[in-house]
Amino acid sequence: MKKSNIVFVTAHPDDESLWIGGILSSFAKMKSVNLHLICITGARDEERSREFKTVMEKIGLKNWALLDHPIPKKGGVLLQNPKEYFVKGLENLSLKETDIDLLITHSPYGDEHRHVQHSQLFIDLYNYSFAKGVPYGFF
């Protein structure tokens, strides 16, 4: 039986803990799933990078990419080219779009705070998944 490649994409380190930590932990234990997580920002921030890696270790997730898009210092600022960072994350994980069975990211509402970068990631990845024929969902 072929394992399903499920790819979660978050905007920032800590998003995985706030919204999908339990789901990631459960999926990481499933024998029928190859779970992957791409975080667009955070590699440049020593503390947040360390915390993210600790979370990945605790939930047992081995297939992850923490990318180096700078974390904007103030709210309301859009990410620059998040789709390019997503593609870079796929490359880091040795995945092609044809390998993805399900792509999941932030909701179109951006969470309860209407975070613009979360909404932006939803829109950019929705357009990507639609163009590539990749099944898509949000948390």
Protein backbone atom coordinates (compact mmCIF):
# COMPACT_ATOMS: atom_id res chain seq x y z
CA MET A 1 0.00 0.00 0.00
CA LYS A 2 1.33 3.40 -1.02
CA LYS A 3 1.72 5.92 1.78
CA SER A 4 -0.07 9.24 1.32
CA ASN A 5 2.14 12.33 1.24
CA ILE A 6 0.42 15.00 3.32
CA VAL A 7 2.12 18.40 3.34
CA PHE A 8 1.24 21.04 5.93
CA VAL A 9 2.47 24.60 5.37
CA THR A 10 2.65 27.23 8.11
CA ALA A 11 3.69 30.85 7.93
CA HIS A 12 5.61 31.09 11.22
CA PRO A 13 7.24 28.90 13.84
CA ASP A 14 4.66 28.31 16.58
CA ASP A 15 1.74 28.13 14.11
CA GLU A 16 2.19 24.35 14.06
CA SER A 17 1.87 24.22 17.85
CA LEU A 18 -1.04 26.65 18.11
CA TRP A 19 -3.33 25.10 15.50
CA ILE A 20 -2.20 21.65 14.40
CA GLY A 21 0.17 20.19 16.98
CA GLY A 22 -2.19 17.35 17.91
CA ILE A 23 -2.97 16.55 14.29
CA LEU A 24 0.72 16.51 13.38
CA SER A 25 1.52 14.27 16.33
CA SER A 26 -1.24 11.82 15.35
CA PHE A 27 -0.37 11.79 11.65
CA ALA A 28 3.34 11.33 12.42
CA LYS A 29 2.47 7.99 14.04
CA MET A 30 0.33 6.70 11.16
CA LYS A 31 1.92 4.00 9.04
CA SER A 32 -0.15 4.99 5.99
CA VAL A 33 1.05 8.63 5.94
CA ASN A 34 4.28 10.35 4.99
CA LEU A 35 3.85 13.62 6.87
CA HIS A 36 5.73 16.77 5.86
CA LEU A 37 5.74 20.28 7.32
CA ILE A 38 7.04 23.41 5.65
CA CYS A 39 7.36 26.60 7.70
CA ILE A 40 7.98 29.64 5.48
CA THR A 41 9.69 31.86 8.08
CA GLY A 42 11.88 31.36 11.13
CA ALA A 43 15.26 29.93 10.12
CA ARG A 44 16.88 33.35 10.66
CA ASP A 45 15.53 33.69 14.21
CA GLU A 46 17.72 31.64 16.54
CA GLU A 47 15.21 31.32 19.38
CA ARG A 48 12.17 30.54 17.23
CA SER A 49 14.20 28.14 15.09
CA ARG A 50 15.34 26.26 18.20
CA GLU A 51 11.79 26.10 19.56
CA PHE A 52 10.46 24.84 16.21
CA LYS A 53 13.08 22.08 16.07
CA THR A 54 12.22 21.05 19.63
CA VAL A 55 8.54 20.73 18.69
CA MET A 56 9.42 18.62 15.63
CA GLU A 57 11.49 16.32 17.85
CA LYS A 58 8.75 16.01 20.49
CA ILE A 59 6.04 15.06 18.01
CA GLY A 60 8.38 12.76 16.11
CA LEU A 61 8.16 14.57 12.78
CA LYS A 62 11.25 13.93 10.67
CA ASN A 63 10.21 15.47 7.33
CA TRP A 64 10.20 19.21 7.85
CA ALA A 65 11.69 22.34 6.36
CA LEU A 66 12.16 25.60 8.24
CA LEU A 67 12.80 28.30 5.66
CA ASP A 68 14.58 31.62 5.87
CA HIS A 69 11.96 34.14 4.78
CA PRO A 70 12.37 36.99 7.28
CA ILE A 71 9.65 37.26 9.91
CA PRO A 72 8.12 40.71 9.43
CA LYS A 73 8.62 42.85 12.53
CA LYS A 74 5.17 44.43 12.39
CA GLY A 75 1.73 43.11 11.64
CA GLY A 76 -0.12 43.71 8.40
CA VAL A 77 2.99 43.23 6.23
CA LEU A 78 2.72 40.69 3.44
CA LEU A 79 5.25 37.93 2.93
CA GLN A 80 7.39 38.33 -0.18
CA ASN A 81 6.93 35.47 -2.66
CA PRO A 82 5.65 32.80 -0.25
CA LYS A 83 4.96 30.43 -3.16
CA GLU A 84 8.66 30.48 -4.07
CA TYR A 85 9.54 29.62 -0.49
CA PHE A 86 6.98 26.79 -0.55
CA VAL A 87 8.60 25.37 -3.70
CA LYS A 88 12.00 25.70 -1.99
CA GLY A 89 10.56 23.74 0.95
CA LEU A 90 9.40 20.98 -1.39
CA GLU A 91 12.91 20.84 -2.85
CA ASN A 92 14.42 20.62 0.66
CA LEU A 93 12.12 17.66 1.34
CA SER A 94 12.88 16.06 -2.05
CA LEU A 95 9.22 16.32 -3.06
CA LYS A 96 7.64 17.26 -6.38
CA GLU A 97 4.11 18.59 -6.68
CA THR A 98 3.14 15.26 -8.23
CA ASP A 99 4.18 13.56 -4.96
CA ILE A 100 1.66 15.54 -2.88
CA ASP A 101 -1.58 13.73 -2.07
CA LEU A 102 -2.92 16.54 0.12
CA LEU A 103 -1.72 20.09 0.80
CA ILE A 104 -2.98 21.86 3.94
CA THR A 105 -2.34 25.38 5.21
CA HIS A 106 -3.91 28.27 7.15
CA SER A 107 -7.55 29.20 6.67
CA PRO A 108 -8.62 31.99 4.31
CA TYR A 109 -9.68 33.96 7.40
CA GLY A 110 -6.16 34.05 8.79
CA ASP A 111 -7.20 32.66 12.22
CA GLU A 112 -9.12 34.42 14.95
CA HIS A 113 -6.84 37.46 14.60
CA ARG A 114 -7.31 37.69 10.82
CA HIS A 115 -3.56 37.46 10.34
CA VAL A 116 -2.82 38.80 6.86
CA GLN A 117 0.18 36.50 6.28
CA HIS A 118 -1.92 33.43 7.09
CA SER A 119 -4.63 34.57 4.65
CA GLN A 120 -1.99 35.34 2.04
CA LEU A 121 -0.49 31.86 2.36
CA PHE A 122 -3.95 30.33 1.91
CA ILE A 123 -4.56 32.31 -1.29
CA ASP A 124 -1.11 31.70 -2.81
CA LEU A 125 -1.17 27.97 -2.07
CA TYR A 126 -4.78 27.63 -3.21
CA ASN A 127 -3.79 29.12 -6.57
CA TYR A 128 -0.74 26.84 -6.72
CA SER A 129 -2.73 23.71 -5.85
CA PHE A 130 -5.50 24.57 -8.31
CA ALA A 131 -2.98 25.11 -11.14
CA LYS A 132 -1.14 21.85 -10.32
CA GLY A 133 -4.21 19.73 -9.57
CA VAL A 134 -3.12 19.08 -5.99
CA PRO A 135 -5.89 18.35 -3.43
CA TYR A 136 -6.07 21.22 -0.95
CA GLY A 137 -7.42 21.95 2.50
CA PHE A 138 -6.98 24.31 5.42
CA PHE A 139 -6.93 24.25 9.20
